[in-house]
């Protein structure tokens, strides 16, 4: 077996579920996620490029998933959409179910709202809030400017706030570091 085949085999054994999950969050449909992952694997391994490490292969495939999703090459079917009210907003999950299942309902509402975002905004939101990446790493992964990532995140969060009212989007940004001053500290 060639080196790239060994890398592909190991990648699918150890990280297939992670890659599929990433594609699923972007597409919202299992069949589309499978197609997107398959397309990304073909794009990554179609040429007999040097095999590299498992981590390099993982990064290449994730980038190929993002690129294919944003470019729209594999999106031929319409995405399933959840019915909304007359105002276009999703129902407040806490008004429907006050029990522990509220978190699940809230997650479903949020995922459905994310699916309504344009592809670049959706990719930025997924990378930022689900993959916990910084603005700079999102910009590098999507090959866009930091400011463009910030604009996509700002617009996406503004849209999500209007559609899912029971999710707190005001959590402190993770790109910042708290600075604590200590009086009398020696250097």
N, C-alpha and C. Protein backbone atom coordinates (compact mmCIF):
# COMPACT_ATOMS: atom_id res chain seq x y z
N UNK A 1 0.85 -1.17 0.00
CA UNK A 1 0.00 0.00 0.00
C UNK A 1 0.90 1.23 0.00
N UNK A 2 0.52 2.25 -0.76
CA UNK A 2 1.33 3.46 -0.85
C UNK A 2 1.20 4.30 0.42
N UNK A 3 2.10 5.25 0.57
CA UNK A 3 2.12 6.09 1.77
C UNK A 3 0.82 6.89 1.90
N UNK A 4 0.32 7.44 0.78
CA UNK A 4 -0.91 8.24 0.88
C UNK A 4 -2.10 7.35 1.23
N UNK A 5 -2.11 6.11 0.77
CA UNK A 5 -3.20 5.20 1.09
C UNK A 5 -3.18 4.85 2.58
N UNK A 6 -1.98 4.69 3.14
CA UNK A 6 -1.87 4.43 4.58
C UNK A 6 -2.38 5.62 5.38
N UNK A 7 -2.03 6.84 4.93
CA UNK A 7 -2.48 8.06 5.62
C UNK A 7 -4.00 8.17 5.55
N UNK A 8 -4.57 7.91 4.37
CA UNK A 8 -6.02 7.97 4.20
C UNK A 8 -6.70 6.93 5.09
N UNK A 9 -6.17 5.73 5.12
CA UNK A 9 -6.74 4.66 5.93
C UNK A 9 -6.73 5.05 7.41
N UNK A 10 -5.61 5.55 7.89
CA UNK A 10 -5.50 5.96 9.29
C UNK A 10 -6.42 7.15 9.60
N UNK A 11 -6.50 8.08 8.67
CA UNK A 11 -7.37 9.24 8.85
C UNK A 11 -8.82 8.81 9.00
N UNK A 12 -9.27 7.90 8.18
CA UNK A 12 -10.66 7.46 8.24
C UNK A 12 -10.93 6.61 9.48
N UNK A 13 -9.95 5.85 9.91
CA UNK A 13 -10.13 5.04 11.12
C UNK A 13 -10.22 5.92 12.37
N UNK A 14 -9.38 6.93 12.45
CA UNK A 14 -9.30 7.69 13.69
C UNK A 14 -10.10 8.99 13.69
N UNK A 15 -10.37 9.56 12.52
CA UNK A 15 -10.99 10.89 12.53
C UNK A 15 -12.20 11.04 11.61
N UNK A 16 -12.72 9.96 11.11
CA UNK A 16 -13.86 10.02 10.19
C UNK A 16 -15.07 10.68 10.86
N UNK A 17 -15.35 10.31 12.11
CA UNK A 17 -16.53 10.87 12.77
C UNK A 17 -16.38 12.37 12.99
N UNK A 18 -15.19 12.82 13.31
CA UNK A 18 -14.95 14.25 13.49
C UNK A 18 -15.14 15.01 12.17
N UNK A 19 -14.59 14.47 11.10
CA UNK A 19 -14.72 15.13 9.79
C UNK A 19 -16.17 15.11 9.31
N UNK A 20 -16.86 13.99 9.53
CA UNK A 20 -18.27 13.93 9.15
C UNK A 20 -19.08 14.93 9.97
N UNK A 21 -18.80 15.01 11.27
CA UNK A 21 -19.52 15.97 12.12
C UNK A 21 -19.34 17.40 11.66
N UNK A 22 -18.13 17.73 11.26
CA UNK A 22 -17.84 19.07 10.75
C UNK A 22 -18.65 19.34 9.49
N UNK A 23 -18.68 18.38 8.58
CA UNK A 23 -19.45 18.54 7.34
C UNK A 23 -20.95 18.61 7.64
N UNK A 24 -21.40 17.82 8.61
CA UNK A 24 -22.82 17.81 8.95
C UNK A 24 -23.28 19.14 9.54
N UNK A 25 -22.45 19.72 10.40
CA UNK A 25 -22.82 21.01 10.98
C UNK A 25 -22.94 22.07 9.89
N UNK A 26 -22.09 21.98 8.87
CA UNK A 26 -22.17 22.95 7.78
C UNK A 26 -23.39 22.73 6.90
N UNK A 27 -23.72 21.48 6.60
CA UNK A 27 -24.79 21.20 5.64
C UNK A 27 -26.15 21.01 6.27
N UNK A 28 -26.20 20.43 7.45
CA UNK A 28 -27.48 20.17 8.10
C UNK A 28 -28.17 18.94 7.59
N UNK A 29 -27.51 18.14 6.76
CA UNK A 29 -28.12 16.96 6.17
C UNK A 29 -27.06 15.86 6.10
N UNK A 30 -27.38 14.68 6.58
CA UNK A 30 -26.40 13.59 6.63
C UNK A 30 -25.92 13.19 5.24
N UNK A 31 -26.83 13.10 4.29
CA UNK A 31 -26.43 12.70 2.93
C UNK A 31 -25.53 13.75 2.29
N UNK A 32 -25.88 15.02 2.47
CA UNK A 32 -25.04 16.09 1.93
C UNK A 32 -23.68 16.11 2.63
N UNK A 33 -23.66 15.84 3.94
CA UNK A 33 -22.40 15.81 4.68
C UNK A 33 -21.51 14.68 4.17
N UNK A 34 -22.10 13.51 3.91
CA UNK A 34 -21.33 12.39 3.36
C UNK A 34 -20.74 12.76 2.00
N UNK A 35 -21.57 13.39 1.15
CA UNK A 35 -21.08 13.80 -0.17
C UNK A 35 -19.96 14.83 -0.04
N UNK A 36 -20.14 15.77 0.86
CA UNK A 36 -19.14 16.82 1.06
C UNK A 36 -17.82 16.23 1.57
N UNK A 37 -17.92 15.30 2.51
CA UNK A 37 -16.71 14.64 3.03
C UNK A 37 -16.03 13.82 1.94
N UNK A 38 -16.82 13.08 1.17
CA UNK A 38 -16.25 12.28 0.09
C UNK A 38 -15.54 13.17 -0.93
N UNK A 39 -16.18 14.27 -1.28
CA UNK A 39 -15.57 15.20 -2.23
C UNK A 39 -14.27 15.77 -1.68
N UNK A 40 -14.26 16.09 -0.40
CA UNK A 40 -13.05 16.64 0.22
C UNK A 40 -11.93 15.60 0.24
N UNK A 41 -12.27 14.35 0.51
CA UNK A 41 -11.26 13.29 0.49
C UNK A 41 -10.68 13.11 -0.91
N UNK A 42 -11.55 13.14 -1.91
CA UNK A 42 -11.07 13.01 -3.29
C UNK A 42 -10.17 14.18 -3.64
N UNK A 43 -10.59 15.39 -3.29
CA UNK A 43 -9.76 16.57 -3.58
C UNK A 43 -8.40 16.48 -2.90
N UNK A 44 -8.39 15.99 -1.68
CA UNK A 44 -7.15 15.93 -0.92
C UNK A 44 -6.21 14.84 -1.41
N UNK A 45 -6.76 13.67 -1.74
CA UNK A 45 -5.92 12.52 -2.05
C UNK A 45 -5.89 12.14 -3.53
N UNK A 46 -6.49 12.95 -4.43
CA UNK A 46 -6.53 12.56 -5.84
C UNK A 46 -5.15 12.59 -6.50
N UNK A 47 -4.33 13.52 -6.10
CA UNK A 47 -2.97 13.51 -6.64
C UNK A 47 -2.10 12.78 -5.63
N UNK A 48 -1.11 12.13 -6.07
CA UNK A 48 -0.24 11.38 -5.17
C UNK A 48 0.74 12.30 -4.48
N UNK A 49 0.20 13.28 -3.79
CA UNK A 49 1.06 14.22 -3.05
C UNK A 49 1.75 13.47 -1.92
N UNK A 50 2.80 14.07 -1.43
CA UNK A 50 3.51 13.41 -0.34
C UNK A 50 2.53 13.16 0.80
N UNK A 51 2.73 12.09 1.49
CA UNK A 51 1.73 11.65 2.45
C UNK A 51 1.60 12.58 3.64
N UNK A 52 2.68 13.06 4.21
CA UNK A 52 2.59 13.95 5.37
C UNK A 52 2.07 13.21 6.59
N UNK A 53 1.81 13.96 7.62
CA UNK A 53 1.34 13.36 8.87
C UNK A 53 -0.18 13.26 8.88
N UNK A 54 -0.67 12.56 9.86
CA UNK A 54 -2.11 12.42 10.04
C UNK A 54 -2.74 13.79 10.30
N UNK A 55 -2.08 14.61 11.11
CA UNK A 55 -2.61 15.95 11.40
C UNK A 55 -2.66 16.81 10.15
N UNK A 56 -1.64 16.74 9.30
CA UNK A 56 -1.65 17.50 8.04
C UNK A 56 -2.82 17.05 7.17
N UNK A 57 -3.02 15.76 7.07
CA UNK A 57 -4.13 15.24 6.25
C UNK A 57 -5.46 15.72 6.80
N UNK A 58 -5.60 15.72 8.13
CA UNK A 58 -6.84 16.18 8.76
C UNK A 58 -7.10 17.65 8.41
N UNK A 59 -6.07 18.48 8.48
CA UNK A 59 -6.20 19.90 8.17
C UNK A 59 -6.56 20.09 6.69
N UNK A 60 -5.90 19.35 5.81
CA UNK A 60 -6.19 19.45 4.38
C UNK A 60 -7.65 19.09 4.08
N UNK A 61 -8.12 18.01 4.68
CA UNK A 61 -9.50 17.56 4.41
C UNK A 61 -10.49 18.57 4.97
N UNK A 62 -10.25 19.11 6.18
CA UNK A 62 -11.16 20.12 6.72
C UNK A 62 -11.20 21.36 5.85
N UNK A 63 -10.05 21.78 5.35
CA UNK A 63 -10.01 22.93 4.46
C UNK A 63 -10.77 22.63 3.17
N UNK A 64 -10.63 21.43 2.65
CA UNK A 64 -11.35 21.04 1.44
C UNK A 64 -12.86 21.01 1.69
N UNK A 65 -13.27 20.58 2.88
CA UNK A 65 -14.70 20.60 3.22
C UNK A 65 -15.21 22.03 3.22
N UNK A 66 -14.49 22.93 3.88
CA UNK A 66 -14.90 24.34 3.93
C UNK A 66 -14.98 24.94 2.53
N UNK A 67 -13.95 24.69 1.73
CA UNK A 67 -13.91 25.26 0.38
C UNK A 67 -15.04 24.73 -0.48
N UNK A 68 -15.26 23.42 -0.44
CA UNK A 68 -16.33 22.83 -1.25
C UNK A 68 -17.70 23.34 -0.81
N UNK A 69 -17.87 23.50 0.49
CA UNK A 69 -19.14 24.00 0.98
C UNK A 69 -19.38 25.44 0.54
N UNK A 70 -18.38 26.27 0.72
CA UNK A 70 -18.54 27.68 0.37
C UNK A 70 -18.71 27.85 -1.14
N UNK A 71 -17.95 27.11 -1.92
CA UNK A 71 -18.06 27.21 -3.37
C UNK A 71 -19.39 26.69 -3.89
N UNK A 72 -20.00 25.79 -3.15
CA UNK A 72 -21.31 25.30 -3.54
C UNK A 72 -21.29 24.25 -4.63
N UNK A 73 -20.15 23.58 -4.86
CA UNK A 73 -20.07 22.59 -5.93
C UNK A 73 -20.96 21.38 -5.68
N UNK A 74 -21.14 21.01 -4.43
CA UNK A 74 -21.87 19.79 -4.14
C UNK A 74 -23.29 20.04 -3.63
N UNK A 75 -23.73 21.29 -3.61
CA UNK A 75 -25.06 21.58 -3.06
C UNK A 75 -26.08 21.66 -4.19
N UNK A 76 -26.67 20.54 -4.56
CA UNK A 76 -27.66 20.51 -5.63
C UNK A 76 -29.08 20.42 -5.10
N UNK A 77 -29.23 20.00 -3.86
CA UNK A 77 -30.56 19.89 -3.27
C UNK A 77 -30.80 21.06 -2.33
N UNK A 78 -32.03 21.39 -2.13
CA UNK A 78 -32.33 22.45 -1.16
C UNK A 78 -32.19 21.89 0.24
N UNK A 79 -31.78 22.74 1.16
CA UNK A 79 -31.63 22.31 2.54
C UNK A 79 -32.99 22.24 3.21
N UNK A 80 -33.18 21.28 4.07
CA UNK A 80 -34.44 21.25 4.81
C UNK A 80 -34.54 22.47 5.71
N UNK A 81 -35.68 23.10 5.72
CA UNK A 81 -35.89 24.28 6.54
C UNK A 81 -37.03 24.03 7.52
N UNK A 82 -36.86 24.48 8.71
CA UNK A 82 -37.90 24.37 9.72
C UNK A 82 -38.88 25.51 9.52
N UNK A 83 -40.14 25.21 9.66
CA UNK A 83 -41.16 26.24 9.49
C UNK A 83 -40.98 27.32 10.55
N UNK A 84 -41.16 28.57 10.12
CA UNK A 84 -41.04 29.69 11.04
C UNK A 84 -42.38 30.38 11.15
N UNK A 85 -42.46 31.25 12.11
CA UNK A 85 -43.69 32.03 12.28
C UNK A 85 -43.83 33.08 11.19
N UNK A 86 -44.88 33.87 11.27
CA UNK A 86 -45.12 34.91 10.28
C UNK A 86 -44.01 35.95 10.25
N UNK A 87 -43.33 36.15 11.39
CA UNK A 87 -42.26 37.14 11.45
C UNK A 87 -40.92 36.56 11.01
N UNK A 88 -40.86 35.27 10.65
CA UNK A 88 -39.62 34.65 10.19
C UNK A 88 -38.74 34.14 11.31
N UNK A 89 -39.19 34.29 12.56
CA UNK A 89 -38.39 33.85 13.71
C UNK A 89 -38.77 32.45 14.13
N UNK A 90 -37.84 31.74 14.73
CA UNK A 90 -38.12 30.44 15.30
C UNK A 90 -38.78 30.64 16.65
N UNK A 91 -39.56 29.67 17.07
CA UNK A 91 -40.25 29.77 18.35
C UNK A 91 -39.25 29.73 19.49
N UNK A 92 -39.60 30.39 20.58
CA UNK A 92 -38.76 30.38 21.78
C UNK A 92 -38.88 29.00 22.42
N UNK A 93 -37.77 28.27 22.48
CA UNK A 93 -37.78 26.90 22.99
C UNK A 93 -38.23 26.83 24.44
N UNK A 94 -37.89 27.83 25.26
CA UNK A 94 -38.26 27.78 26.67
C UNK A 94 -39.77 27.91 26.85
N UNK A 95 -40.47 28.52 25.91
CA UNK A 95 -41.92 28.63 26.01
C UNK A 95 -42.58 27.30 25.67
N UNK A 96 -41.88 26.43 24.95
CA UNK A 96 -42.45 25.16 24.53
C UNK A 96 -42.24 24.10 25.60
N UNK A 97 -41.01 23.95 26.07
CA UNK A 97 -40.69 22.90 27.03
C UNK A 97 -39.84 23.45 28.16
N UNK A 98 -40.37 23.50 29.36
CA UNK A 98 -39.60 24.04 30.48
C UNK A 98 -38.67 23.03 31.15
N UNK A 99 -38.67 21.77 30.74
CA UNK A 99 -37.89 20.73 31.41
C UNK A 99 -36.46 20.66 30.91
N UNK A 100 -35.74 19.58 31.28
CA UNK A 100 -34.34 19.42 30.88
C UNK A 100 -34.16 19.26 29.38
N UNK A 101 -35.20 18.86 28.69
CA UNK A 101 -35.11 18.73 27.23
C UNK A 101 -35.04 20.09 26.54
N UNK A 102 -35.19 21.17 27.30
CA UNK A 102 -35.11 22.52 26.76
C UNK A 102 -33.77 22.76 26.06
N UNK A 103 -32.68 22.23 26.64
CA UNK A 103 -31.35 22.40 26.04
C UNK A 103 -31.28 21.77 24.67
N UNK A 104 -31.87 20.59 24.51
CA UNK A 104 -31.88 19.92 23.22
C UNK A 104 -32.70 20.72 22.21
N UNK A 105 -33.86 21.19 22.64
CA UNK A 105 -34.71 21.98 21.76
C UNK A 105 -33.99 23.26 21.36
N UNK A 106 -33.32 23.90 22.31
CA UNK A 106 -32.56 25.11 22.02
C UNK A 106 -31.46 24.83 21.01
N UNK A 107 -30.77 23.70 21.15
CA UNK A 107 -29.71 23.33 20.21
C UNK A 107 -30.26 23.10 18.82
N UNK A 108 -31.41 22.45 18.73
CA UNK A 108 -32.04 22.21 17.43
C UNK A 108 -32.44 23.54 16.80
N UNK A 109 -33.02 24.43 17.59
CA UNK A 109 -33.40 25.75 17.07
C UNK A 109 -32.18 26.51 16.56
N UNK A 110 -31.10 26.47 17.33
CA UNK A 110 -29.88 27.16 16.92
C UNK A 110 -29.32 26.55 15.64
N UNK A 111 -29.29 25.23 15.57
CA UNK A 111 -28.76 24.58 14.36
C UNK A 111 -29.61 24.93 13.15
N UNK A 112 -30.92 24.92 13.30
CA UNK A 112 -31.80 25.29 12.19
C UNK A 112 -31.57 26.76 11.78
N UNK A 113 -31.35 27.63 12.74
CA UNK A 113 -31.09 29.03 12.43
C UNK A 113 -29.75 29.19 11.72
N UNK A 114 -28.75 28.43 12.14
CA UNK A 114 -27.44 28.48 11.48
C UNK A 114 -27.56 28.04 10.03
N UNK A 115 -28.44 27.08 9.76
CA UNK A 115 -28.61 26.59 8.39
C UNK A 115 -29.20 27.64 7.45
N UNK A 116 -29.80 28.68 8.01
CA UNK A 116 -30.36 29.74 7.16
C UNK A 116 -29.34 30.79 6.77
N UNK A 117 -28.15 30.76 7.40
CA UNK A 117 -27.12 31.75 7.10
C UNK A 117 -26.48 31.47 5.74
N UNK A 118 -25.97 32.52 5.09
CA UNK A 118 -25.21 32.31 3.86
C UNK A 118 -23.97 31.46 4.15
N UNK A 119 -23.44 30.76 3.14
CA UNK A 119 -22.35 29.82 3.36
C UNK A 119 -21.12 30.38 4.07
N UNK A 120 -20.63 31.54 3.72
CA UNK A 120 -19.42 32.07 4.37
C UNK A 120 -19.70 32.44 5.82
N UNK A 121 -20.87 33.02 6.09
CA UNK A 121 -21.21 33.33 7.48
C UNK A 121 -21.34 32.05 8.28
N UNK A 122 -21.97 31.04 7.70
CA UNK A 122 -22.14 29.76 8.39
C UNK A 122 -20.78 29.14 8.70
N UNK A 123 -19.89 29.14 7.73
CA UNK A 123 -18.56 28.56 7.94
C UNK A 123 -17.82 29.30 9.05
N UNK A 124 -17.92 30.62 9.06
CA UNK A 124 -17.25 31.42 10.11
C UNK A 124 -17.83 31.10 11.49
N UNK A 125 -19.15 31.00 11.58
CA UNK A 125 -19.80 30.70 12.86
C UNK A 125 -19.39 29.32 13.36
N UNK A 126 -19.40 28.35 12.46
CA UNK A 126 -19.03 26.99 12.86
C UNK A 126 -17.59 26.94 13.34
N UNK A 127 -16.69 27.56 12.59
CA UNK A 127 -15.28 27.53 12.98
C UNK A 127 -15.04 28.30 14.28
N UNK A 128 -15.74 29.41 14.47
CA UNK A 128 -15.52 30.25 15.65
C UNK A 128 -16.11 29.63 16.91
N UNK A 129 -17.39 29.26 16.84
CA UNK A 129 -18.08 28.87 18.05
C UNK A 129 -18.11 27.36 18.30
N UNK A 130 -18.01 26.56 17.27
CA UNK A 130 -18.00 25.11 17.47
C UNK A 130 -16.59 24.53 17.47
N UNK A 131 -15.73 25.09 16.63
CA UNK A 131 -14.34 24.62 16.59
C UNK A 131 -13.45 25.44 17.52
N UNK A 132 -13.98 26.53 18.07
CA UNK A 132 -13.26 27.40 19.02
C UNK A 132 -11.97 27.96 18.42
N UNK A 133 -12.05 28.39 17.17
CA UNK A 133 -10.88 28.95 16.50
C UNK A 133 -10.88 30.47 16.64
N UNK A 134 -9.70 31.04 16.57
CA UNK A 134 -9.56 32.49 16.62
C UNK A 134 -9.91 33.09 15.26
N UNK A 135 -10.12 34.39 15.25
CA UNK A 135 -10.43 35.08 14.00
C UNK A 135 -9.29 34.89 13.00
N UNK A 136 -8.06 34.99 13.48
CA UNK A 136 -6.90 34.84 12.59
C UNK A 136 -6.83 33.44 11.99
N UNK A 137 -7.10 32.41 12.77
CA UNK A 137 -7.04 31.05 12.22
C UNK A 137 -8.19 30.78 11.27
N UNK A 138 -9.35 31.38 11.51
CA UNK A 138 -10.47 31.24 10.57
C UNK A 138 -10.11 31.91 9.25
N UNK A 139 -9.54 33.10 9.34
CA UNK A 139 -9.13 33.83 8.13
C UNK A 139 -8.12 33.02 7.33
N UNK A 140 -7.18 32.40 8.02
CA UNK A 140 -6.18 31.59 7.33
C UNK A 140 -6.82 30.36 6.69
N UNK A 141 -7.72 29.71 7.41
CA UNK A 141 -8.35 28.49 6.89
C UNK A 141 -9.25 28.77 5.69
N UNK A 142 -9.95 29.90 5.71
CA UNK A 142 -10.87 30.23 4.62
C UNK A 142 -10.23 31.13 3.56
N UNK A 143 -8.97 31.50 3.77
CA UNK A 143 -8.23 32.37 2.84
C UNK A 143 -8.94 33.70 2.61
N UNK A 144 -9.35 34.32 3.72
CA UNK A 144 -9.97 35.64 3.65
C UNK A 144 -9.31 36.51 4.72
N UNK A 145 -9.57 37.81 4.68
CA UNK A 145 -8.97 38.75 5.62
C UNK A 145 -9.63 38.66 7.00
N UNK A 146 -8.88 39.02 8.03
CA UNK A 146 -9.41 39.03 9.39
C UNK A 146 -10.67 39.89 9.49
N UNK A 147 -10.63 41.06 8.86
CA UNK A 147 -11.78 41.96 8.89
C UNK A 147 -13.02 41.35 8.25
N UNK A 148 -12.81 40.56 7.21
CA UNK A 148 -13.93 39.90 6.55
C UNK A 148 -14.54 38.86 7.48
N UNK A 149 -13.70 38.13 8.20
CA UNK A 149 -14.20 37.15 9.17
C UNK A 149 -15.02 37.87 10.24
N UNK A 150 -14.50 38.98 10.75
CA UNK A 150 -15.22 39.73 11.78
C UNK A 150 -16.57 40.21 11.26
N UNK A 151 -16.61 40.69 10.02
CA UNK A 151 -17.87 41.16 9.43
C UNK A 151 -18.86 40.01 9.29
N UNK A 152 -18.38 38.85 8.81
CA UNK A 152 -19.27 37.69 8.68
C UNK A 152 -19.79 37.25 10.04
N UNK A 153 -18.94 37.23 11.06
CA UNK A 153 -19.38 36.85 12.40
C UNK A 153 -20.38 37.85 12.97
N UNK A 154 -20.10 39.13 12.77
CA UNK A 154 -21.01 40.17 13.26
C UNK A 154 -22.39 40.04 12.61
N UNK A 155 -22.41 39.92 11.30
CA UNK A 155 -23.68 39.79 10.58
C UNK A 155 -24.42 38.51 10.96
N UNK A 156 -23.68 37.42 11.09
CA UNK A 156 -24.30 36.14 11.43
C UNK A 156 -24.90 36.18 12.83
N UNK A 157 -24.17 36.72 13.80
CA UNK A 157 -24.69 36.79 15.16
C UNK A 157 -25.90 37.71 15.22
N UNK A 158 -25.88 38.81 14.47
CA UNK A 158 -27.05 39.71 14.44
C UNK A 158 -28.27 38.97 13.90
N UNK A 159 -28.08 38.19 12.86
CA UNK A 159 -29.19 37.41 12.30
C UNK A 159 -29.66 36.35 13.29
N UNK A 160 -28.72 35.64 13.91
CA UNK A 160 -29.09 34.59 14.85
C UNK A 160 -29.82 35.14 16.07
N UNK A 161 -29.43 36.33 16.52
CA UNK A 161 -30.11 36.95 17.67
C UNK A 161 -31.59 37.18 17.38
N UNK A 162 -31.91 37.51 16.15
CA UNK A 162 -33.31 37.77 15.81
C UNK A 162 -34.10 36.48 15.63
N UNK A 163 -33.42 35.39 15.32
CA UNK A 163 -34.12 34.14 15.04
C UNK A 163 -34.17 33.19 16.22
N UNK A 164 -33.19 33.25 17.09
CA UNK A 164 -33.15 32.38 18.27
C UNK A 164 -32.95 33.29 19.47
N UNK A 165 -34.05 33.61 20.12
CA UNK A 165 -34.02 34.63 21.16
C UNK A 165 -33.56 34.11 22.52
N UNK A 166 -33.49 32.80 22.71
CA UNK A 166 -33.16 32.26 24.02
C UNK A 166 -31.70 31.80 24.13
N UNK A 167 -30.84 32.24 23.22
CA UNK A 167 -29.42 31.90 23.27
C UNK A 167 -28.65 33.17 23.57
N UNK A 168 -27.71 33.09 24.52
CA UNK A 168 -26.90 34.24 24.89
C UNK A 168 -25.67 34.33 23.98
N UNK A 169 -25.65 35.33 23.13
CA UNK A 169 -24.53 35.54 22.23
C UNK A 169 -23.54 36.57 22.77
N UNK A 170 -23.75 37.01 24.01
CA UNK A 170 -22.91 38.06 24.58
C UNK A 170 -21.77 37.52 25.43
N UNK A 171 -21.42 36.25 25.25
CA UNK A 171 -20.29 35.69 26.00
C UNK A 171 -19.03 36.43 25.58
N UNK A 172 -18.08 36.61 26.50
CA UNK A 172 -16.87 37.35 26.15
C UNK A 172 -16.11 36.65 25.03
N UNK A 173 -15.53 37.43 24.12
CA UNK A 173 -14.77 36.82 23.03
C UNK A 173 -13.56 36.08 23.58
N UNK A 174 -13.22 34.97 22.93
CA UNK A 174 -12.12 34.13 23.42
C UNK A 174 -10.78 34.58 22.87
N UNK A 175 -10.75 35.62 22.04
CA UNK A 175 -9.48 36.11 21.51
C UNK A 175 -8.77 37.03 22.49
N UNK A 176 -9.47 37.44 23.54
CA UNK A 176 -8.89 38.38 24.47
C UNK A 176 -8.34 37.65 25.68
N UNK A 177 -7.40 38.27 26.32
CA UNK A 177 -6.78 37.71 27.52
C UNK A 177 -6.96 38.73 28.62
N UNK A 178 -7.45 38.27 29.75
CA UNK A 178 -7.64 39.18 30.88
C UNK A 178 -6.28 39.63 31.40
N UNK A 179 -6.17 40.91 31.70
CA UNK A 179 -4.93 41.46 32.24
C UNK A 179 -5.19 41.82 33.69
N UNK A 180 -4.40 41.24 34.57
CA UNK A 180 -4.54 41.50 36.00
C UNK A 180 -3.29 42.25 36.46
N UNK A 181 -3.50 43.36 37.11
CA UNK A 181 -2.34 44.08 37.62
C UNK A 181 -2.15 43.72 39.09
N UNK A 182 -0.92 43.55 39.44
CA UNK A 182 -0.58 43.28 40.83
C UNK A 182 0.35 44.38 41.29
N UNK A 183 -0.11 45.09 42.28
CA UNK A 183 0.72 46.15 42.81
C UNK A 183 1.91 45.57 43.54
N UNK A 184 3.03 46.16 43.34
CA UNK A 184 4.23 45.74 44.03
C UNK A 184 4.89 44.51 43.41
N UNK A 185 4.43 44.08 42.26
CA UNK A 185 5.04 42.92 41.62
C UNK A 185 6.42 43.28 41.11
N UNK A 186 7.35 42.39 41.31
CA UNK A 186 8.73 42.63 40.86
C UNK A 186 8.94 41.98 39.52
N UNK A 187 9.80 42.59 38.72
CA UNK A 187 10.12 42.05 37.40
C UNK A 187 11.45 41.43 37.41
